Amino acid sequence: MKTLSNTNINLRALEPEDLDFLYQIENNESFWEISHTQTPFSKFVLKQYLENAHLDIFEAKQLRLLIEEKSTKKQLGMIDLFDFNPQHNRAGIGILIHPDFQQNGFASDALSILINYAFSYLGLHQLYANITSDNFKSLSLFKKHNFREVGIKKDWIYSDRNFKDEILFQLIKQ
């Protein structure tokens, strides 16, 4: 699994054993803004999701990978390719690191691995990310990996009784 790992982390498919971690992440209200979630998920629904997670990216049009620390196998977060469009060779990318493991370079490692996988293995031409203007950690992360700001969607996200701008970033394979 060299394609989806480095010296620190592995990106791997979700397993049934990840149900409790997935439940914890998906029901953490502090993440709902970025995941566009408005209601909690039941374990039953998430279990069904895991049962169908085996679908190929070409079938499901998305790929969710668990980020795990290589040495301890600790679940750190998730990284997704979504809105996968093989006709136009592009996909959106999203990343979430559990708060206990942020600021350790795991997000940067995961993003680097997934960019390489998307361009080298899937043959994509571009990736994009939508990031709220107040998500400074994500803005910094994606800029570090050469994503370029290409547009601003004004008052795009409604959260905590306020509207927020969402910035569109693209990384085009050179």
N, C-alpha and C. Protein backbone atom coordinates (compact mmCIF):
# COMPACT_ATOMS: atom_id res chain seq x y z
N MET A 1 0.84 -1.20 0.00
CA MET A 1 0.00 0.00 0.00
C MET A 1 0.88 1.25 0.00
N LYS A 2 1.91 1.26 -0.79
CA LYS A 2 2.83 2.39 -0.85
C LYS A 2 2.16 3.64 -1.42
N THR A 3 1.20 3.45 -2.33
CA THR A 3 0.54 4.59 -2.96
C THR A 3 -0.20 5.45 -1.95
N LEU A 4 -0.77 4.84 -0.93
CA LEU A 4 -1.61 5.57 0.02
C LEU A 4 -0.97 5.63 1.42
N SER A 5 0.34 5.78 1.46
CA SER A 5 1.00 5.90 2.77
C SER A 5 2.31 6.65 2.63
N ASN A 6 2.81 7.09 3.77
CA ASN A 6 4.16 7.63 3.85
C ASN A 6 4.76 7.10 5.15
N THR A 7 5.80 7.71 5.65
CA THR A 7 6.43 7.19 6.87
C THR A 7 5.58 7.38 8.11
N ASN A 8 4.63 8.32 8.09
CA ASN A 8 3.83 8.64 9.27
C ASN A 8 2.42 8.08 9.29
N ILE A 9 1.79 8.06 8.12
CA ILE A 9 0.36 7.71 8.08
C ILE A 9 0.04 6.75 6.94
N ASN A 10 -1.11 6.10 7.08
CA ASN A 10 -1.74 5.33 6.01
C ASN A 10 -3.09 5.96 5.72
N LEU A 11 -3.46 5.96 4.47
CA LEU A 11 -4.84 6.24 4.08
C LEU A 11 -5.41 4.89 3.67
N ARG A 12 -6.53 4.53 4.29
CA ARG A 12 -7.08 3.20 4.01
C ARG A 12 -8.60 3.27 3.91
N ALA A 13 -9.15 2.22 3.32
CA ALA A 13 -10.60 2.11 3.21
C ALA A 13 -11.21 1.98 4.60
N LEU A 14 -12.44 2.43 4.72
CA LEU A 14 -13.17 2.28 5.97
C LEU A 14 -13.51 0.82 6.21
N GLU A 15 -13.43 0.40 7.45
CA GLU A 15 -13.73 -0.96 7.87
C GLU A 15 -14.90 -0.95 8.84
N PRO A 16 -15.59 -2.06 9.03
CA PRO A 16 -16.67 -2.12 10.03
C PRO A 16 -16.20 -1.69 11.42
N GLU A 17 -14.94 -1.95 11.74
CA GLU A 17 -14.40 -1.58 13.05
C GLU A 17 -14.29 -0.07 13.24
N ASP A 18 -14.46 0.71 12.17
CA ASP A 18 -14.38 2.17 12.24
C ASP A 18 -15.72 2.81 12.60
N LEU A 19 -16.74 2.00 12.85
CA LEU A 19 -18.08 2.52 13.11
C LEU A 19 -18.10 3.53 14.26
N ASP A 20 -17.49 3.20 15.39
CA ASP A 20 -17.53 4.12 16.54
C ASP A 20 -16.82 5.43 16.23
N PHE A 21 -15.69 5.38 15.54
CA PHE A 21 -14.97 6.60 15.16
C PHE A 21 -15.81 7.43 14.20
N LEU A 22 -16.39 6.78 13.20
CA LEU A 22 -17.24 7.48 12.23
C LEU A 22 -18.43 8.12 12.93
N TYR A 23 -19.03 7.39 13.86
CA TYR A 23 -20.17 7.90 14.62
C TYR A 23 -19.76 9.15 15.41
N GLN A 24 -18.61 9.09 16.05
CA GLN A 24 -18.11 10.23 16.83
C GLN A 24 -17.86 11.45 15.95
N ILE A 25 -17.25 11.26 14.80
CA ILE A 25 -16.94 12.36 13.89
C ILE A 25 -18.22 12.94 13.27
N GLU A 26 -19.05 12.08 12.73
CA GLU A 26 -20.25 12.54 12.02
C GLU A 26 -21.25 13.22 12.95
N ASN A 27 -21.20 12.92 14.23
CA ASN A 27 -22.15 13.52 15.17
C ASN A 27 -21.53 14.63 16.02
N ASN A 28 -20.34 15.05 15.68
CA ASN A 28 -19.70 16.18 16.35
C ASN A 28 -20.20 17.45 15.67
N GLU A 29 -21.03 18.20 16.36
CA GLU A 29 -21.66 19.37 15.76
C GLU A 29 -20.66 20.42 15.28
N SER A 30 -19.47 20.45 15.84
CA SER A 30 -18.48 21.44 15.39
C SER A 30 -18.02 21.16 13.96
N PHE A 31 -18.26 19.96 13.44
CA PHE A 31 -17.88 19.63 12.06
C PHE A 31 -19.04 19.80 11.08
N TRP A 32 -20.23 20.01 11.57
CA TRP A 32 -21.40 20.03 10.70
C TRP A 32 -21.34 21.13 9.65
N GLU A 33 -20.76 22.26 9.99
CA GLU A 33 -20.69 23.35 9.03
C GLU A 33 -19.90 22.93 7.79
N ILE A 34 -18.79 22.26 7.98
CA ILE A 34 -17.97 21.90 6.82
C ILE A 34 -18.52 20.69 6.07
N SER A 35 -19.28 19.86 6.77
CA SER A 35 -19.83 18.68 6.10
C SER A 35 -21.25 18.90 5.60
N HIS A 36 -21.78 20.09 5.82
CA HIS A 36 -23.15 20.45 5.41
C HIS A 36 -24.18 19.49 6.01
N THR A 37 -23.94 19.12 7.25
CA THR A 37 -24.84 18.24 8.00
C THR A 37 -25.73 19.09 8.89
N GLN A 38 -26.97 18.68 9.07
CA GLN A 38 -27.87 19.42 9.94
C GLN A 38 -28.49 18.56 11.02
N THR A 39 -28.35 17.25 10.90
CA THR A 39 -28.92 16.34 11.89
C THR A 39 -27.92 15.23 12.20
N PRO A 40 -28.03 14.64 13.37
CA PRO A 40 -27.11 13.54 13.70
C PRO A 40 -27.41 12.28 12.89
N PHE A 41 -26.42 11.43 12.81
CA PHE A 41 -26.55 10.14 12.14
C PHE A 41 -26.68 9.04 13.17
N SER A 42 -27.53 8.07 12.90
CA SER A 42 -27.64 6.91 13.78
C SER A 42 -26.52 5.92 13.45
N LYS A 43 -26.20 5.07 14.41
CA LYS A 43 -25.22 4.01 14.13
C LYS A 43 -25.73 3.09 13.04
N PHE A 44 -27.04 2.86 13.00
CA PHE A 44 -27.62 2.01 11.97
C PHE A 44 -27.34 2.56 10.57
N VAL A 45 -27.57 3.85 10.38
CA VAL A 45 -27.34 4.48 9.08
C VAL A 45 -25.86 4.42 8.72
N LEU A 46 -25.00 4.70 9.69
CA LEU A 46 -23.56 4.66 9.42
C LEU A 46 -23.08 3.24 9.14
N LYS A 47 -23.68 2.27 9.79
CA LYS A 47 -23.33 0.87 9.53
C LYS A 47 -23.70 0.52 8.09
N GLN A 48 -24.87 0.97 7.64
CA GLN A 48 -25.27 0.74 6.25
C GLN A 48 -24.29 1.42 5.29
N TYR A 49 -23.87 2.63 5.63
CA TYR A 49 -22.89 3.34 4.80
C TYR A 49 -21.61 2.52 4.69
N LEU A 50 -21.13 2.00 5.82
CA LEU A 50 -19.91 1.19 5.81
C LEU A 50 -20.07 -0.07 4.97
N GLU A 51 -21.26 -0.64 4.99
CA GLU A 51 -21.52 -1.84 4.19
C GLU A 51 -21.44 -1.56 2.69
N ASN A 52 -21.69 -0.30 2.30
CA ASN A 52 -21.63 0.07 0.89
C ASN A 52 -20.36 0.83 0.53
N ALA A 53 -19.46 0.99 1.49
CA ALA A 53 -18.24 1.76 1.25
C ALA A 53 -17.27 1.05 0.31
N HIS A 54 -17.56 -0.19 -0.01
CA HIS A 54 -16.70 -0.95 -0.92
C HIS A 54 -16.86 -0.52 -2.38
N LEU A 55 -17.88 0.26 -2.67
CA LEU A 55 -18.11 0.66 -4.06
C LEU A 55 -16.91 1.42 -4.61
N ASP A 56 -16.59 1.14 -5.83
CA ASP A 56 -15.50 1.77 -6.55
C ASP A 56 -15.80 3.27 -6.73
N ILE A 57 -14.76 4.09 -6.77
CA ILE A 57 -14.94 5.54 -6.95
C ILE A 57 -15.69 5.84 -8.24
N PHE A 58 -15.54 5.00 -9.25
CA PHE A 58 -16.23 5.24 -10.52
C PHE A 58 -17.73 4.95 -10.39
N GLU A 59 -18.12 4.09 -9.45
CA GLU A 59 -19.53 3.81 -9.19
C GLU A 59 -20.14 4.83 -8.24
N ALA A 60 -19.44 5.06 -7.12
CA ALA A 60 -19.97 5.90 -6.05
C ALA A 60 -19.76 7.39 -6.30
N LYS A 61 -18.83 7.73 -7.17
CA LYS A 61 -18.46 9.13 -7.46
C LYS A 61 -17.85 9.82 -6.24
N GLN A 62 -17.39 9.02 -5.29
CA GLN A 62 -16.71 9.56 -4.12
C GLN A 62 -15.81 8.47 -3.53
N LEU A 63 -14.84 8.90 -2.73
CA LEU A 63 -13.95 7.99 -2.05
C LEU A 63 -13.63 8.58 -0.69
N ARG A 64 -13.98 7.87 0.36
CA ARG A 64 -13.65 8.31 1.72
C ARG A 64 -12.61 7.36 2.28
N LEU A 65 -11.51 7.93 2.73
CA LEU A 65 -10.42 7.14 3.31
C LEU A 65 -10.19 7.56 4.75
N LEU A 66 -9.88 6.59 5.57
CA LEU A 66 -9.54 6.86 6.95
C LEU A 66 -8.05 7.20 7.02
N ILE A 67 -7.71 8.19 7.80
CA ILE A 67 -6.32 8.55 8.03
C ILE A 67 -5.92 7.89 9.35
N GLU A 68 -4.91 7.03 9.30
CA GLU A 68 -4.46 6.38 10.53
C GLU A 68 -2.96 6.55 10.70
N GLU A 69 -2.56 6.70 11.95
CA GLU A 69 -1.14 6.79 12.26
C GLU A 69 -0.51 5.43 12.00
N LYS A 70 0.59 5.43 11.28
CA LYS A 70 1.19 4.17 10.84
C LYS A 70 1.67 3.31 12.01
N SER A 71 2.34 3.93 12.98
CA SER A 71 2.96 3.15 14.05
C SER A 71 1.94 2.60 15.05
N THR A 72 0.87 3.35 15.33
CA THR A 72 -0.08 2.95 16.38
C THR A 72 -1.41 2.45 15.82
N LYS A 73 -1.65 2.67 14.52
CA LYS A 73 -2.94 2.35 13.88
C LYS A 73 -4.09 3.20 14.46
N LYS A 74 -3.76 4.30 15.12
CA LYS A 74 -4.76 5.20 15.70
C LYS A 74 -5.51 5.93 14.59
N GLN A 75 -6.83 6.00 14.70
CA GLN A 75 -7.67 6.71 13.74
C GLN A 75 -7.52 8.21 14.00
N LEU A 76 -7.08 8.94 12.98
CA LEU A 76 -6.79 10.37 13.12
C LEU A 76 -7.84 11.26 12.48
N GLY A 77 -8.45 10.79 11.42
CA GLY A 77 -9.42 11.60 10.68
C GLY A 77 -9.80 10.92 9.39
N MET A 78 -10.34 11.72 8.48
CA MET A 78 -10.77 11.19 7.19
C MET A 78 -10.44 12.20 6.09
N ILE A 79 -10.25 11.67 4.91
CA ILE A 79 -10.03 12.52 3.74
C ILE A 79 -10.88 11.96 2.61
N ASP A 80 -11.51 12.86 1.87
CA ASP A 80 -12.48 12.46 0.86
C ASP A 80 -12.15 13.04 -0.51
N LEU A 81 -12.43 12.26 -1.53
CA LEU A 81 -12.63 12.77 -2.87
C LEU A 81 -14.13 12.69 -3.10
N PHE A 82 -14.75 13.77 -3.52
CA PHE A 82 -16.19 13.80 -3.75
C PHE A 82 -16.46 14.51 -5.07
N ASP A 83 -17.68 14.42 -5.53
CA ASP A 83 -18.06 15.05 -6.79
C ASP A 83 -17.10 14.61 -7.91
N PHE A 84 -16.69 13.34 -7.83
CA PHE A 84 -15.76 12.77 -8.80
C PHE A 84 -16.39 12.76 -10.17
N ASN A 85 -15.70 13.35 -11.14
CA ASN A 85 -16.22 13.45 -12.49
C ASN A 85 -15.16 12.93 -13.47
N PRO A 86 -15.26 11.65 -13.85
CA PRO A 86 -14.25 11.09 -14.75
C PRO A 86 -14.28 11.69 -16.16
N GLN A 87 -15.42 12.22 -16.58
CA GLN A 87 -15.50 12.85 -17.91
C GLN A 87 -14.59 14.08 -17.98
N HIS A 88 -14.58 14.85 -16.90
CA HIS A 88 -13.79 16.09 -16.88
C HIS A 88 -12.52 15.95 -16.04
N ASN A 89 -12.26 14.74 -15.54
CA ASN A 89 -11.04 14.44 -14.78
C ASN A 89 -10.83 15.38 -13.60
N ARG A 90 -11.87 15.48 -12.76
CA ARG A 90 -11.75 16.36 -11.58
C ARG A 90 -12.53 15.77 -10.41
N ALA A 91 -12.19 16.27 -9.23
CA ALA A 91 -12.89 15.88 -8.01
C ALA A 91 -12.67 16.95 -6.95
N GLY A 92 -13.63 17.02 -6.04
CA GLY A 92 -13.47 17.86 -4.86
C GLY A 92 -12.69 17.08 -3.81
N ILE A 93 -12.09 17.80 -2.91
CA ILE A 93 -11.32 17.16 -1.85
C ILE A 93 -11.68 17.82 -0.52
N GLY A 94 -11.86 16.99 0.49
CA GLY A 94 -12.16 17.48 1.83
C GLY A 94 -11.37 16.67 2.84
N ILE A 95 -11.05 17.30 3.94
CA ILE A 95 -10.25 16.63 4.96
C ILE A 95 -10.73 17.05 6.33
N LEU A 96 -10.69 16.10 7.24
CA LEU A 96 -11.08 16.38 8.62
C LEU A 96 -10.15 15.58 9.54
N ILE A 97 -9.51 16.29 10.46
CA ILE A 97 -8.65 15.66 11.47
C ILE A 97 -9.34 15.85 12.82
N HIS A 98 -9.42 14.76 13.58
CA HIS A 98 -10.00 14.84 14.92
C HIS A 98 -9.24 15.91 15.71
N PRO A 99 -9.95 16.74 16.50
CA PRO A 99 -9.29 17.83 17.24
C PRO A 99 -8.11 17.38 18.11
N ASP A 100 -8.14 16.17 18.62
CA ASP A 100 -7.05 15.69 19.46
C ASP A 100 -5.74 15.50 18.69
N PHE A 101 -5.83 15.46 17.36
CA PHE A 101 -4.64 15.16 16.56
C PHE A 101 -4.27 16.27 15.59
N GLN A 102 -4.91 17.43 15.71
CA GLN A 102 -4.59 18.55 14.82
C GLN A 102 -3.25 19.16 15.21
N GLN A 103 -2.68 19.88 14.26
CA GLN A 103 -1.42 20.59 14.45
C GLN A 103 -0.22 19.64 14.60
N ASN A 104 -0.33 18.45 14.02
CA ASN A 104 0.77 17.47 14.06
C ASN A 104 1.28 17.12 12.67
N GLY A 105 0.78 17.79 11.64
CA GLY A 105 1.22 17.52 10.28
C GLY A 105 0.47 16.40 9.58
N PHE A 106 -0.49 15.80 10.27
CA PHE A 106 -1.22 14.68 9.67
C PHE A 106 -2.06 15.12 8.47
N ALA A 107 -2.69 16.28 8.57
CA ALA A 107 -3.51 16.77 7.45
C ALA A 107 -2.64 17.03 6.23
N SER A 108 -1.49 17.62 6.43
CA SER A 108 -0.58 17.90 5.33
C SER A 108 -0.09 16.61 4.68
N ASP A 109 0.27 15.64 5.51
CA ASP A 109 0.69 14.33 4.98
C ASP A 109 -0.43 13.70 4.16
N ALA A 110 -1.64 13.68 4.72
CA ALA A 110 -2.77 13.05 4.05
C ALA A 110 -3.09 13.75 2.74
N LEU A 111 -3.08 15.07 2.75
CA LEU A 111 -3.38 15.82 1.54
C LEU A 111 -2.33 15.55 0.46
N SER A 112 -1.08 15.53 0.84
CA SER A 112 -0.01 15.25 -0.11
C SER A 112 -0.17 13.86 -0.74
N ILE A 113 -0.47 12.87 0.07
CA ILE A 113 -0.67 11.51 -0.43
C ILE A 113 -1.85 11.45 -1.38
N LEU A 114 -2.97 12.08 -1.00
CA LEU A 114 -4.17 12.01 -1.83
C LEU A 114 -4.01 12.78 -3.13
N ILE A 115 -3.31 13.89 -3.10
CA ILE A 115 -3.03 14.63 -4.35
C ILE A 115 -2.25 13.73 -5.31
N ASN A 116 -1.22 13.10 -4.80
CA ASN A 116 -0.41 12.21 -5.63
C ASN A 116 -1.25 11.06 -6.19
N TYR A 117 -2.08 10.46 -5.34
CA TYR A 117 -2.95 9.37 -5.76
C TYR A 117 -3.93 9.84 -6.85
N ALA A 118 -4.54 11.00 -6.64
CA ALA A 118 -5.54 11.52 -7.59
C ALA A 118 -4.92 11.81 -8.95
N PHE A 119 -3.74 12.40 -8.95
CA PHE A 119 -3.11 12.75 -10.23
C PHE A 119 -2.41 11.56 -10.88
N SER A 120 -1.70 10.77 -10.09
CA SER A 120 -0.90 9.68 -10.65
C SER A 120 -1.71 8.42 -10.91
N TYR A 121 -2.54 8.03 -9.97
CA TYR A 121 -3.25 6.76 -10.09
C TYR A 121 -4.61 6.91 -10.77
N LEU A 122 -5.38 7.93 -10.37
CA LEU A 122 -6.70 8.13 -10.97
C LEU A 122 -6.65 8.93 -12.27
N GLY A 123 -5.53 9.57 -12.54
CA GLY A 123 -5.38 10.33 -13.77
C GLY A 123 -6.17 11.62 -13.82
N LEU A 124 -6.47 12.19 -12.64
CA LEU A 124 -7.24 13.43 -12.62
C LEU A 124 -6.39 14.59 -13.13
N HIS A 125 -7.07 15.58 -13.66
CA HIS A 125 -6.43 16.80 -14.15
C HIS A 125 -6.47 17.90 -13.09
N GLN A 126 -7.52 17.88 -12.25
CA GLN A 126 -7.61 18.93 -11.24
C GLN A 126 -8.39 18.47 -10.02
N LEU A 127 -8.07 19.12 -8.90
CA LEU A 127 -8.78 18.96 -7.64
C LEU A 127 -9.27 20.33 -7.21
N TYR A 128 -10.36 20.35 -6.46
CA TYR A 128 -10.82 21.62 -5.93
C TYR A 128 -11.24 21.45 -4.48
N ALA A 129 -11.27 22.56 -3.77
CA ALA A 129 -11.70 22.58 -2.38
C ALA A 129 -12.51 23.83 -2.13
N ASN A 130 -13.54 23.69 -1.31
CA ASN A 130 -14.37 24.82 -0.88
C ASN A 130 -14.09 25.05 0.60
N ILE A 131 -13.61 26.24 0.95
CA ILE A 131 -13.19 26.51 2.32
C ILE A 131 -13.79 27.84 2.78
N THR A 132 -14.43 27.83 3.95
CA THR A 132 -14.97 29.09 4.46
C THR A 132 -13.83 30.05 4.78
N SER A 133 -14.12 31.33 4.62
CA SER A 133 -13.09 32.36 4.76
C SER A 133 -12.53 32.46 6.17
N ASP A 134 -13.21 31.88 7.16
CA ASP A 134 -12.71 31.94 8.54
C ASP A 134 -12.03 30.64 8.97
N ASN A 135 -11.86 29.69 8.07
CA ASN A 135 -11.20 28.43 8.40
C ASN A 135 -9.71 28.57 8.06
N PHE A 136 -9.00 29.27 8.93
CA PHE A 136 -7.62 29.65 8.65
C PHE A 136 -6.67 28.45 8.55
N LYS A 137 -6.93 27.41 9.32
CA LYS A 137 -6.07 26.22 9.25
C LYS A 137 -6.19 25.57 7.86
N SER A 138 -7.41 25.42 7.37
CA SER A 138 -7.60 24.81 6.05
C SER A 138 -7.08 25.71 4.94
N LEU A 139 -7.31 27.01 5.06
CA LEU A 139 -6.79 27.93 4.05
C LEU A 139 -5.27 27.79 3.94
N SER A 140 -4.62 27.76 5.07
CA SER A 140 -3.16 27.63 5.10
C SER A 140 -2.71 26.29 4.53
N LEU A 141 -3.40 25.23 4.91
CA LEU A 141 -3.05 23.89 4.44
C LEU A 141 -3.13 23.79 2.92
N PHE A 142 -4.24 24.22 2.35
CA PHE A 142 -4.40 24.07 0.91
C PHE A 142 -3.48 25.01 0.13
N LYS A 143 -3.22 26.20 0.65
CA LYS A 143 -2.25 27.09 0.00
C LYS A 143 -0.85 26.48 0.03
N LYS A 144 -0.50 25.83 1.14
CA LYS A 144 0.80 25.17 1.27
C LYS A 144 0.99 24.10 0.20
N HIS A 145 -0.11 23.49 -0.22
CA HIS A 145 -0.06 22.43 -1.23
C HIS A 145 -0.38 22.96 -2.63
N ASN A 146 -0.18 24.28 -2.81
CA ASN A 146 -0.26 24.94 -4.12
C ASN A 146 -1.66 25.03 -4.72
N PHE A 147 -2.70 24.88 -3.90
CA PHE A 147 -4.04 25.19 -4.38
C PHE A 147 -4.13 26.70 -4.53
N ARG A 148 -4.78 27.15 -5.59
CA ARG A 148 -4.91 28.57 -5.87
C ARG A 148 -6.36 29.02 -5.71
N GLU A 149 -6.52 30.19 -5.10
CA GLU A 149 -7.85 30.77 -4.96
C GLU A 149 -8.33 31.22 -6.33
N VAL A 150 -9.52 30.76 -6.71
CA VAL A 150 -10.05 31.11 -8.03
C VAL A 150 -11.40 31.82 -7.96
N GLY A 151 -11.98 31.89 -6.77
CA GLY A 151 -13.26 32.59 -6.65
C GLY A 151 -13.77 32.59 -5.23
N ILE A 152 -14.70 33.51 -5.00
CA ILE A 152 -15.33 33.63 -3.69
C ILE A 152 -16.83 33.58 -3.89
N LYS A 153 -17.46 32.68 -3.16
CA LYS A 153 -18.92 32.60 -3.16
C LYS A 153 -19.38 33.40 -1.93
N LYS A 154 -19.95 34.55 -2.18
CA LYS A 154 -20.35 35.48 -1.12
C LYS A 154 -21.56 34.95 -0.34
N ASP A 155 -21.49 35.10 0.98
CA ASP A 155 -22.59 34.71 1.88
C ASP A 155 -23.09 33.30 1.55
N TRP A 156 -22.21 32.38 1.29
CA TRP A 156 -22.54 31.05 0.80
C TRP A 156 -22.98 30.09 1.90
N ILE A 157 -22.38 30.21 3.08
CA ILE A 157 -22.64 29.29 4.18
C ILE A 157 -23.34 30.06 5.31
N TYR A 158 -24.47 29.53 5.74
CA TYR A 158 -25.20 30.13 6.85
C TYR A 158 -24.91 29.30 8.09
N SER A 159 -24.29 29.93 9.09
CA SER A 159 -23.89 29.22 10.29
C SER A 159 -23.93 30.17 11.48
N ASP A 160 -24.47 29.71 12.57
CA ASP A 160 -24.56 30.53 13.79
C ASP A 160 -25.17 31.90 13.52
N ARG A 161 -26.25 31.90 12.73
CA ARG A 161 -27.01 33.11 12.42
C ARG A 161 -26.21 34.16 11.64
N ASN A 162 -25.17 33.70 10.96
CA ASN A 162 -24.35 34.59 10.13
C ASN A 162 -24.07 33.91 8.80
N PHE A 163 -23.88 34.73 7.80
CA PHE A 163 -23.45 34.22 6.50
C PHE A 163 -21.94 34.32 6.40
N LYS A 164 -21.34 33.32 5.77
CA LYS A 164 -19.90 33.30 5.57
C LYS A 164 -19.60 33.13 4.09
N ASP A 165 -18.50 33.74 3.67
CA ASP A 165 -18.03 33.52 2.31
C ASP A 165 -17.34 32.16 2.24
N GLU A 166 -17.45 31.53 1.08
CA GLU A 166 -16.73 30.29 0.84
C GLU A 166 -15.79 30.52 -0.34
N ILE A 167 -14.53 30.15 -0.15
CA ILE A 167 -13.52 30.38 -1.16
C ILE A 167 -13.30 29.09 -1.94
N LEU A 168 -13.27 29.19 -3.25
CA LEU A 168 -13.02 28.06 -4.12
C LEU A 168 -11.54 28.05 -4.50
N PHE A 169 -10.92 26.90 -4.22
CA PHE A 169 -9.51 26.69 -4.56
C PHE A 169 -9.41 25.57 -5.58
N GLN A 170 -8.43 25.68 -6.48
CA GLN A 170 -8.16 24.64 -7.46
C GLN A 170 -6.67 24.32 -7.48
N LEU A 171 -6.41 23.06 -7.74
CA LEU A 171 -5.05 22.60 -8.02
C LEU A 171 -5.13 21.88 -9.36
N ILE A 172 -4.45 22.42 -10.35
CA ILE A 172 -4.45 21.85 -11.69
C ILE A 172 -3.11 21.18 -11.93
N LYS A 173 -3.17 19.95 -12.39
CA LYS A 173 -1.94 19.17 -12.63
C LYS A 173 -1.11 19.86 -13.69
N GLN A 174 0.14 20.00 -13.42
CA GLN A 174 1.06 20.64 -14.37
C GLN A 174 1.75 19.62 -15.24
